[in-house]
């Protein structure tokens, strides 16, 4: 894989990359693929205080903000990848992480267990992190399981958007609302798949606050992809315009 292709792939979810490995031709029409998955919402709190603290330092504060966020999210992503998760979307200050049942990844119960183990590891290792003194960042998590779908939509000016949908996401809203700082809350469907391996406290709407996974699985990173060079064009179609412009100008060093 060339350096440019590797850089492009770093900005595209594994779900989309896997699809392009099997069909590297440029995308010409919307596509949709359904699958079963466990899904984790890792929501970060503390950005307002961090921003206010660093805004008082002027331009230097903006640089510190970039370094602090890169360091924090870098730690989160490293743990997620070690547990086989695929960061499908960044939604503001939250990450949507998927464990799909593709490529013989495991049963729904195993995938949900891996998501739960990952969430507990996130809370344990970086749940509260004071990257800037006086402005800690914290985390609360929700886990769902069930039907999902990924789709490529758009196509205007050669730009395609990767989206994930499904009942697993919809049902996760209640769990996310109930989760507090330092907690991992599961939907009823996710808990039904995990209850024989874990302990937790019952909450409203059938959700459960996870306390421990007693019989889990050894961490297993997601498989690497061998991308054909011709996949570069179709992957670039998923990149935001600002990133594509940097790549076209040969300014990969400016990409954070």
C-alpha atoms as a PDB file:
ATOM      1  CA  UNK A   1       0.000   0.000   0.000  1.00  0.00           C
ATOM      2  CA  UNK A   2       1.413   3.415  -0.973  1.00  0.00           C
ATOM      3  CA  UNK A   3       1.768   6.185   1.600  1.00  0.00           C
ATOM      4  CA  UNK A   4      -1.032   8.207  -0.022  1.00  0.00           C
ATOM      5  CA  UNK A   5      -3.419   5.242  -0.071  1.00  0.00           C
ATOM      6  CA  UNK A   6      -2.577   4.498   3.553  1.00  0.00           C
ATOM      7  CA  UNK A   7      -3.317   8.120   4.486  1.00  0.00           C
ATOM      8  CA  UNK A   8      -6.649   8.032   2.658  1.00  0.00           C
ATOM      9  CA  UNK A   9      -7.638   4.749   4.316  1.00  0.00           C
ATOM     10  CA  UNK A  10      -6.965   6.241   7.761  1.00  0.00           C
ATOM     11  CA  UNK A  11      -9.972   8.555   7.275  1.00  0.00           C
ATOM     12  CA  UNK A  12     -12.404   5.867   6.109  1.00  0.00           C
ATOM     13  CA  UNK A  13     -14.230   3.347   8.363  1.00  0.00           C
ATOM     14  CA  UNK A  14     -13.238  -0.291   8.068  1.00  0.00           C
ATOM     15  CA  UNK A  15     -16.778  -1.181   6.963  1.00  0.00           C
ATOM     16  CA  UNK A  16     -16.414   1.025   3.897  1.00  0.00           C
ATOM     17  CA  UNK A  17     -12.861  -0.165   3.206  1.00  0.00           C
ATOM     18  CA  UNK A  18     -13.937  -3.820   3.322  1.00  0.00           C
ATOM     19  CA  UNK A  19     -16.562  -3.096   0.669  1.00  0.00           C
ATOM     20  CA  UNK A  20     -13.993  -1.448  -1.586  1.00  0.00           C
ATOM     21  CA  UNK A  21     -11.567  -4.361  -1.215  1.00  0.00           C
ATOM     22  CA  UNK A  22     -14.145  -6.643  -2.813  1.00  0.00           C
ATOM     23  CA  UNK A  23     -15.114  -4.029  -5.407  1.00  0.00           C
ATOM     24  CA  UNK A  24     -12.473  -1.295  -5.894  1.00  0.00           C
ATOM     25  CA  UNK A  25     -14.264   0.298  -8.858  1.00  0.00           C
ATOM     26  CA  UNK A  26     -15.391   3.932  -8.412  1.00  0.00           C
ATOM     27  CA  UNK A  27     -18.785   4.297  -6.735  1.00  0.00           C
ATOM     28  CA  UNK A  28     -21.488   5.206  -9.243  1.00  0.00           C
ATOM     29  CA  UNK A  29     -24.725   4.740  -7.307  1.00  0.00           C
ATOM     30  CA  UNK A  30     -25.982   4.560  -3.715  1.00  0.00           C
ATOM     31  CA  UNK A  31     -25.362   1.224  -2.014  1.00  0.00           C
ATOM     32  CA  UNK A  32     -26.747  -0.459   1.086  1.00  0.00           C
ATOM     33  CA  UNK A  33     -25.661  -3.552   3.012  1.00  0.00           C
ATOM     34  CA  UNK A  34     -27.399  -5.022   6.065  1.00  0.00           C
ATOM     35  CA  UNK A  35     -25.694  -6.916   8.888  1.00  0.00           C
ATOM     36  CA  UNK A  36     -25.902  -7.776  12.591  1.00  0.00           C
ATOM     37  CA  UNK A  37     -23.612  -5.928  14.982  1.00  0.00           C
ATOM     38  CA  UNK A  38     -22.818  -4.680  18.442  1.00  0.00           C
ATOM     39  CA  UNK A  39     -22.456  -0.916  18.578  1.00  0.00           C
ATOM     40  CA  UNK A  40     -20.836   1.369  21.156  1.00  0.00           C
ATOM     41  CA  UNK A  41     -21.422   5.078  21.642  1.00  0.00           C
ATOM     42  CA  UNK A  42     -18.487   6.642  23.490  1.00  0.00           C
ATOM     43  CA  UNK A  43     -19.500  10.181  24.432  1.00  0.00           C
ATOM     44  CA  UNK A  44     -16.859  12.601  25.717  1.00  0.00           C
ATOM     45  CA  UNK A  45     -17.713  15.406  28.157  1.00  0.00           C
ATOM     46  CA  UNK A  46     -15.660  18.402  29.241  1.00  0.00           C
ATOM     47  CA  UNK A  47     -15.047  20.184  25.926  1.00  0.00           C
ATOM     48  CA  UNK A  48     -16.701  23.422  27.043  1.00  0.00           C
ATOM     49  CA  UNK A  49     -14.420  23.865  30.040  1.00  0.00           C
ATOM     50  CA  UNK A  50     -11.393  22.808  27.984  1.00  0.00           C
ATOM     51  CA  UNK A  51     -12.242  25.334  25.266  1.00  0.00           C
ATOM     52  CA  UNK A  52     -12.833  28.147  27.760  1.00  0.00           C
ATOM     53  CA  UNK A  53      -9.570  27.395  29.553  1.00  0.00           C
ATOM     54  CA  UNK A  54      -7.475  27.373  26.387  1.00  0.00           C
ATOM     55  CA  UNK A  55      -9.253  30.317  24.728  1.00  0.00           C
ATOM     56  CA  UNK A  56      -7.657  32.563  27.338  1.00  0.00           C
ATOM     57  CA  UNK A  57      -4.228  31.701  25.920  1.00  0.00           C
ATOM     58  CA  UNK A  58      -4.841  33.035  22.423  1.00  0.00           C
ATOM     59  CA  UNK A  59      -3.254  31.318  19.384  1.00  0.00           C
ATOM     60  CA  UNK A  60      -1.113  29.182  21.660  1.00  0.00           C
ATOM     61  CA  UNK A  61      -4.295  27.872  23.264  1.00  0.00           C
ATOM     62  CA  UNK A  62      -5.646  26.756  19.894  1.00  0.00           C
ATOM     63  CA  UNK A  63      -2.506  24.714  19.289  1.00  0.00           C
ATOM     64  CA  UNK A  64      -2.752  23.208  22.766  1.00  0.00           C
ATOM     65  CA  UNK A  65      -6.380  22.300  22.058  1.00  0.00           C
ATOM     66  CA  UNK A  66      -5.356  20.415  18.932  1.00  0.00           C
ATOM     67  CA  UNK A  67      -2.616  18.550  20.770  1.00  0.00           C
ATOM     68  CA  UNK A  68      -4.890  17.710  23.720  1.00  0.00           C
ATOM     69  CA  UNK A  69      -7.713  16.366  21.556  1.00  0.00           C
ATOM     70  CA  UNK A  70      -5.363  14.400  19.317  1.00  0.00           C
ATOM     71  CA  UNK A  71      -3.761  12.825  22.381  1.00  0.00           C
ATOM     72  CA  UNK A  72      -7.074  11.961  24.045  1.00  0.00           C
ATOM     73  CA  UNK A  73      -8.859  10.616  20.991  1.00  0.00           C
ATOM     74  CA  UNK A  74      -5.671   8.835  19.965  1.00  0.00           C
ATOM     75  CA  UNK A  75      -5.766   6.892  23.237  1.00  0.00           C
ATOM     76  CA  UNK A  76      -9.444   6.064  22.761  1.00  0.00           C
ATOM     77  CA  UNK A  77      -8.941   4.833  19.204  1.00  0.00           C
ATOM     78  CA  UNK A  78      -5.907   2.754  20.163  1.00  0.00           C
ATOM     79  CA  UNK A  79      -7.953   0.905  22.806  1.00  0.00           C
ATOM     80  CA  UNK A  80     -10.894   0.495  20.426  1.00  0.00           C
ATOM     81  CA  UNK A  81      -8.716  -0.989  17.690  1.00  0.00           C
ATOM     82  CA  UNK A  82      -7.066  -3.350  20.186  1.00  0.00           C
ATOM     83  CA  UNK A  83     -10.538  -4.724  20.958  1.00  0.00           C
ATOM     84  CA  UNK A  84     -11.479  -5.127  17.290  1.00  0.00           C
ATOM     85  CA  UNK A  85     -13.811  -2.137  17.076  1.00  0.00           C
ATOM     86  CA  UNK A  86     -14.345  -0.082  13.928  1.00  0.00           C
ATOM     87  CA  UNK A  87     -14.859   3.672  14.416  1.00  0.00           C
ATOM     88  CA  UNK A  88     -17.720   4.211  11.995  1.00  0.00           C
ATOM     89  CA  UNK A  89     -18.511   7.852  12.762  1.00  0.00           C
ATOM     90  CA  UNK A  90     -17.494  10.871  14.781  1.00  0.00           C
ATOM     91  CA  UNK A  91     -20.607  12.737  15.910  1.00  0.00           C
ATOM     92  CA  UNK A  92     -19.500  15.966  17.536  1.00  0.00           C
ATOM     93  CA  UNK A  93     -17.716  14.915  20.719  1.00  0.00           C
ATOM     94  CA  UNK A  94     -18.821  11.269  20.470  1.00  0.00           C
ATOM     95  CA  UNK A  95     -17.628   8.212  18.577  1.00  0.00           C
ATOM     96  CA  UNK A  96     -19.804   5.479  17.105  1.00  0.00           C
ATOM     97  CA  UNK A  97     -17.951   2.150  17.140  1.00  0.00           C
ATOM     98  CA  UNK A  98     -19.177  -1.033  15.446  1.00  0.00           C
ATOM     99  CA  UNK A  99     -18.416  -4.749  15.803  1.00  0.00           C
ATOM    100  CA  UNK A 100     -20.086  -6.222  12.681  1.00  0.00           C
ATOM    101  CA  UNK A 101     -20.748  -9.906  12.046  1.00  0.00           C
ATOM    102  CA  UNK A 102     -18.838  -9.807   8.754  1.00  0.00           C
ATOM    103  CA  UNK A 103     -15.839 -11.927   7.794  1.00  0.00           C
ATOM    104  CA  UNK A 104     -16.657 -14.539  10.467  1.00  0.00           C
ATOM    105  CA  UNK A 105     -16.039 -12.003  13.233  1.00  0.00           C
ATOM    106  CA  UNK A 106     -18.097 -13.954  15.786  1.00  0.00           C
ATOM    107  CA  UNK A 107     -21.586 -14.593  17.119  1.00  0.00           C
ATOM    108  CA  UNK A 108     -23.812 -11.692  18.243  1.00  0.00           C
ATOM    109  CA  UNK A 109     -23.066 -12.659  21.844  1.00  0.00           C
ATOM    110  CA  UNK A 110     -19.313 -12.585  21.301  1.00  0.00           C
ATOM    111  CA  UNK A 111     -19.444  -9.255  19.472  1.00  0.00           C
ATOM    112  CA  UNK A 112     -21.527  -7.701  22.248  1.00  0.00           C
ATOM    113  CA  UNK A 113     -19.104  -9.055  24.835  1.00  0.00           C
ATOM    114  CA  UNK A 114     -16.154  -7.558  22.958  1.00  0.00           C
ATOM    115  CA  UNK A 115     -17.926  -4.194  22.811  1.00  0.00           C
ATOM    116  CA  UNK A 116     -18.592  -4.366  26.563  1.00  0.00           C
ATOM    117  CA  UNK A 117     -14.987  -5.287  27.339  1.00  0.00           C
ATOM    118  CA  UNK A 118     -13.822  -2.390  25.183  1.00  0.00           C
ATOM    119  CA  UNK A 119     -16.130   0.078  26.944  1.00  0.00           C
ATOM    120  CA  UNK A 120     -14.897  -1.028  30.367  1.00  0.00           C
ATOM    121  CA  UNK A 121     -11.289  -0.712  29.179  1.00  0.00           C
ATOM    122  CA  UNK A 122     -11.985   2.817  27.943  1.00  0.00           C
ATOM    123  CA  UNK A 123     -13.445   3.813  31.296  1.00  0.00           C
ATOM    124  CA  UNK A 124     -10.640   2.143  33.211  1.00  0.00           C
ATOM    125  CA  UNK A 125      -7.747   3.574  31.209  1.00  0.00           C
ATOM    126  CA  UNK A 126      -8.922   6.987  29.968  1.00  0.00           C
ATOM    127  CA  UNK A 127     -12.397   7.465  31.459  1.00  0.00           C
ATOM    128  CA  UNK A 128     -11.246  10.655  33.182  1.00  0.00           C
ATOM    129  CA  UNK A 129      -8.176  12.285  31.673  1.00  0.00           C
ATOM    130  CA  UNK A 130      -6.804  15.700  32.585  1.00  0.00           C
ATOM    131  CA  UNK A 131      -4.826  16.460  29.444  1.00  0.00           C
ATOM    132  CA  UNK A 132      -4.926  20.145  30.419  1.00  0.00           C
ATOM    133  CA  UNK A 133      -4.750  20.995  34.167  1.00  0.00           C
ATOM    134  CA  UNK A 134      -8.145  22.109  35.442  1.00  0.00           C
ATOM    135  CA  UNK A 135     -10.062  20.894  32.377  1.00  0.00           C
ATOM    136  CA  UNK A 136     -10.593  17.113  32.593  1.00  0.00           C
ATOM    137  CA  UNK A 137     -12.271  15.120  29.840  1.00  0.00           C
ATOM    138  CA  UNK A 138     -14.592  12.291  30.865  1.00  0.00           C
ATOM    139  CA  UNK A 139     -16.531   9.526  29.167  1.00  0.00           C
ATOM    140  CA  UNK A 140     -19.904   7.822  29.309  1.00  0.00           C
ATOM    141  CA  UNK A 141     -20.830   4.873  27.121  1.00  0.00           C
ATOM    142  CA  UNK A 142     -23.881   3.074  25.744  1.00  0.00           C
ATOM    143  CA  UNK A 143     -24.014  -0.289  23.967  1.00  0.00           C
ATOM    144  CA  UNK A 144     -26.665  -1.681  21.632  1.00  0.00           C
ATOM    145  CA  UNK A 145     -26.958  -4.823  19.528  1.00  0.00           C
ATOM    146  CA  UNK A 146     -29.062  -5.998  16.621  1.00  0.00           C
ATOM    147  CA  UNK A 147     -29.771  -5.144  13.009  1.00  0.00           C
ATOM    148  CA  UNK A 148     -27.741  -2.462  11.276  1.00  0.00           C
ATOM    149  CA  UNK A 149     -27.104  -1.266   7.757  1.00  0.00           C
ATOM    150  CA  UNK A 150     -24.354   0.727   6.107  1.00  0.00           C
ATOM    151  CA  UNK A 151     -24.985   2.868   3.079  1.00  0.00           C
ATOM    152  CA  UNK A 152     -23.185   5.139   0.663  1.00  0.00           C
ATOM    153  CA  UNK A 153     -25.300   8.143  -0.275  1.00  0.00           C
ATOM    154  CA  UNK A 154     -24.723  11.375  -2.159  1.00  0.00           C
ATOM    155  CA  UNK A 155     -22.585  11.397  -5.278  1.00  0.00           C
ATOM    156  CA  UNK A 156     -22.764  15.152  -5.924  1.00  0.00           C
ATOM    157  CA  UNK A 157     -19.404  16.413  -7.231  1.00  0.00           C
ATOM    158  CA  UNK A 158     -18.022  12.920  -6.728  1.00  0.00           C
ATOM    159  CA  UNK A 159     -18.443  13.110  -2.928  1.00  0.00           C
ATOM    160  CA  UNK A 160     -20.073  10.177  -1.110  1.00  0.00           C
ATOM    161  CA  UNK A 161     -21.158  10.003   2.515  1.00  0.00           C
ATOM    162  CA  UNK A 162     -20.858   6.813   4.561  1.00  0.00           C
ATOM    163  CA  UNK A 163     -23.721   6.322   7.036  1.00  0.00           C
ATOM    164  CA  UNK A 164     -24.828   3.589   9.429  1.00  0.00           C
ATOM    165  CA  UNK A 165     -28.433   3.038  10.492  1.00  0.00           C
ATOM    166  CA  UNK A 166     -30.580   0.355  12.092  1.00  0.00           C
ATOM    167  CA  UNK A 167     -32.576  -0.718  15.118  1.00  0.00           C
ATOM    168  CA  UNK A 168     -29.403  -1.242  17.161  1.00  0.00           C
ATOM    169  CA  UNK A 169     -28.725   2.489  16.899  1.00  0.00           C
ATOM    170  CA  UNK A 170     -32.302   3.580  17.534  1.00  0.00           C
ATOM    171  CA  UNK A 171     -32.632   1.485  20.686  1.00  0.00           C
ATOM    172  CA  UNK A 172     -29.282   2.752  21.973  1.00  0.00           C
ATOM    173  CA  UNK A 173     -30.693   6.240  22.457  1.00  0.00           C
ATOM    174  CA  UNK A 174     -32.359   5.306  25.749  1.00  0.00           C
ATOM    175  CA  UNK A 175     -29.192   3.710  27.100  1.00  0.00           C
ATOM    176  CA  UNK A 176     -27.133   6.750  26.129  1.00  0.00           C
ATOM    177  CA  UNK A 177     -29.596   9.029  27.931  1.00  0.00           C
ATOM    178  CA  UNK A 178     -29.327   6.952  31.118  1.00  0.00           C
ATOM    179  CA  UNK A 179     -25.541   6.625  31.148  1.00  0.00           C
ATOM    180  CA  UNK A 180     -23.590   8.986  33.385  1.00  0.00           C
ATOM    181  CA  UNK A 181     -19.917   9.888  33.593  1.00  0.00           C
ATOM    182  CA  UNK A 182     -17.818   6.774  34.110  1.00  0.00           C
ATOM    183  CA  UNK A 183     -20.685   4.393  33.271  1.00  0.00           C
ATOM    184  CA  UNK A 184     -21.441   1.826  30.574  1.00  0.00           C
ATOM    185  CA  UNK A 185     -25.171   1.222  29.979  1.00  0.00           C
ATOM    186  CA  UNK A 186     -26.575  -1.542  27.753  1.00  0.00           C
ATOM    187  CA  UNK A 187     -29.878  -1.733  25.898  1.00  0.00           C
ATOM    188  CA  UNK A 188     -32.214  -4.639  26.754  1.00  0.00           C
ATOM    189  CA  UNK A 189     -31.211  -6.463  23.549  1.00  0.00           C
ATOM    190  CA  UNK A 190     -27.506  -6.070  24.278  1.00  0.00           C
ATOM    191  CA  UNK A 191     -27.917  -7.203  27.883  1.00  0.00           C
ATOM    192  CA  UNK A 192     -29.851 -10.305  26.782  1.00  0.00           C
ATOM    193  CA  UNK A 193     -26.773 -11.336  24.781  1.00  0.00           C
ATOM    194  CA  UNK A 194     -24.342 -10.554  27.608  1.00  0.00           C
ATOM    195  CA  UNK A 195     -26.124 -11.410  30.848  1.00  0.00           C
ATOM    196  CA  UNK A 196     -24.606 -14.906  31.190  1.00  0.00           C
ATOM    197  CA  UNK A 197     -21.102 -13.406  31.085  1.00  0.00           C
ATOM    198  CA  UNK A 198     -21.512 -10.208  33.076  1.00  0.00           C
ATOM    199  CA  UNK A 199     -23.007  -8.431  36.065  1.00  0.00           C
ATOM    200  CA  UNK A 200     -24.943  -5.202  36.128  1.00  0.00           C
ATOM    201  CA  UNK A 201     -27.589  -3.039  37.799  1.00  0.00           C
ATOM    202  CA  UNK A 202     -31.075  -2.719  36.324  1.00  0.00           C
ATOM    203  CA  UNK A 203     -32.167   0.762  35.246  1.00  0.00           C
ATOM    204  CA  UNK A 204     -35.240   2.213  33.571  1.00  0.00           C
ATOM    205  CA  UNK A 205     -36.668   0.897  30.293  1.00  0.00           C
ATOM    206  CA  UNK A 206     -34.962  -2.479  30.738  1.00  0.00           C
ATOM    207  CA  UNK A 207     -31.481  -0.997  30.368  1.00  0.00           C
ATOM    208  CA  UNK A 208     -28.625  -2.238  32.544  1.00  0.00           C
ATOM    209  CA  UNK A 209     -25.591  -0.450  33.979  1.00  0.00           C
ATOM    210  CA  UNK A 210     -22.635  -2.770  33.377  1.00  0.00           C
ATOM    211  CA  UNK A 211     -20.376  -3.440  36.362  1.00  0.00           C
ATOM    212  CA  UNK A 212     -18.167  -6.288  35.157  1.00  0.00           C
ATOM    213  CA  UNK A 213     -17.594  -8.873  32.423  1.00  0.00           C
ATOM    214  CA  UNK A 214     -16.674 -12.096  34.189  1.00  0.00           C
ATOM    215  CA  UNK A 215     -16.031 -14.464  31.282  1.00  0.00           C
ATOM    216  CA  UNK A 216     -14.846 -12.426  28.340  1.00  0.00           C
ATOM    217  CA  UNK A 217     -12.687 -12.969  25.270  1.00  0.00           C
ATOM    218  CA  UNK A 218      -9.003 -12.139  24.747  1.00  0.00           C
ATOM    219  CA  UNK A 219      -8.675  -8.790  22.940  1.00  0.00           C
ATOM    220  CA  UNK A 220      -8.407  -9.294  19.189  1.00  0.00           C
ATOM    221  CA  UNK A 221      -7.562  -6.414  16.844  1.00  0.00           C
ATOM    222  CA  UNK A 222      -9.539  -6.112  13.648  1.00  0.00           C
ATOM    223  CA  UNK A 223      -7.919  -7.693  10.603  1.00  0.00           C
ATOM    224  CA  UNK A 224      -5.777  -5.498   8.380  1.00  0.00           C
ATOM    225  CA  UNK A 225      -6.851  -4.912   4.796  1.00  0.00           C
ATOM    226  CA  UNK A 226      -4.828  -5.459   1.656  1.00  0.00           C
ATOM    227  CA  UNK A 227      -6.059  -2.648  -0.550  1.00  0.00           C
ATOM    228  CA  UNK A 228      -5.563  -2.695  -4.316  1.00  0.00           C
ATOM    229  CA  UNK A 229      -4.209   0.592  -5.653  1.00  0.00           C
ATOM    230  CA  UNK A 230      -7.314   1.060  -7.804  1.00  0.00           C
ATOM    231  CA  UNK A 231      -9.376   1.394  -4.606  1.00  0.00           C
ATOM    232  CA  UNK A 232      -7.793   4.770  -3.898  1.00  0.00           C
ATOM    233  CA  UNK A 233     -10.232   6.686  -6.087  1.00  0.00           C
ATOM    234  CA  UNK A 234     -13.341   5.215  -4.502  1.00  0.00           C
ATOM    235  CA  UNK A 235     -11.973   5.759  -0.977  1.00  0.00           C
ATOM    236  CA  UNK A 236     -11.119   9.398  -1.717  1.00  0.00           C
ATOM    237  CA  UNK A 237     -14.798   9.931  -2.498  1.00  0.00           C
ATOM    238  CA  UNK A 238     -15.537   9.556   1.235  1.00  0.00           C
ATOM    239  CA  UNK A 239     -13.090  12.279   2.324  1.00  0.00           C
ATOM    240  CA  UNK A 240     -14.223  15.791   3.300  1.00  0.00           C
ATOM    241  CA  UNK A 241     -13.251  18.458   0.802  1.00  0.00           C
ATOM    242  CA  UNK A 242     -10.675  20.057   3.121  1.00  0.00           C
ATOM    243  CA  UNK A 243      -8.768  16.792   3.490  1.00  0.00           C
ATOM    244  CA  UNK A 244      -8.911  16.060  -0.239  1.00  0.00           C
ATOM    245  CA  UNK A 245      -7.501  19.520  -0.915  1.00  0.00           C
ATOM    246  CA  UNK A 246      -4.576  18.870   1.445  1.00  0.00           C
ATOM    247  CA  UNK A 247      -3.856  15.550  -0.256  1.00  0.00           C
ATOM    248  CA  UNK A 248      -4.015  17.112  -3.718  1.00  0.00           C
ATOM    249  CA  UNK A 249      -1.557  19.799  -2.573  1.00  0.00           C
ATOM    250  CA  UNK A 250       0.800  17.208  -1.099  1.00  0.00           C
ATOM    251  CA  UNK A 251       0.287  18.612   2.407  1.00  0.00           C
ATOM    252  CA  UNK A 252      -0.270  15.350   4.280  1.00  0.00           C
ATOM    253  CA  UNK A 253       1.894  16.635   7.124  1.00  0.00           C
ATOM    254  CA  UNK A 254      -0.845  19.156   7.988  1.00  0.00           C
ATOM    255  CA  UNK A 255      -3.481  16.468   8.460  1.00  0.00           C
ATOM    256  CA  UNK A 256      -4.173  15.804  12.158  1.00  0.00           C
END
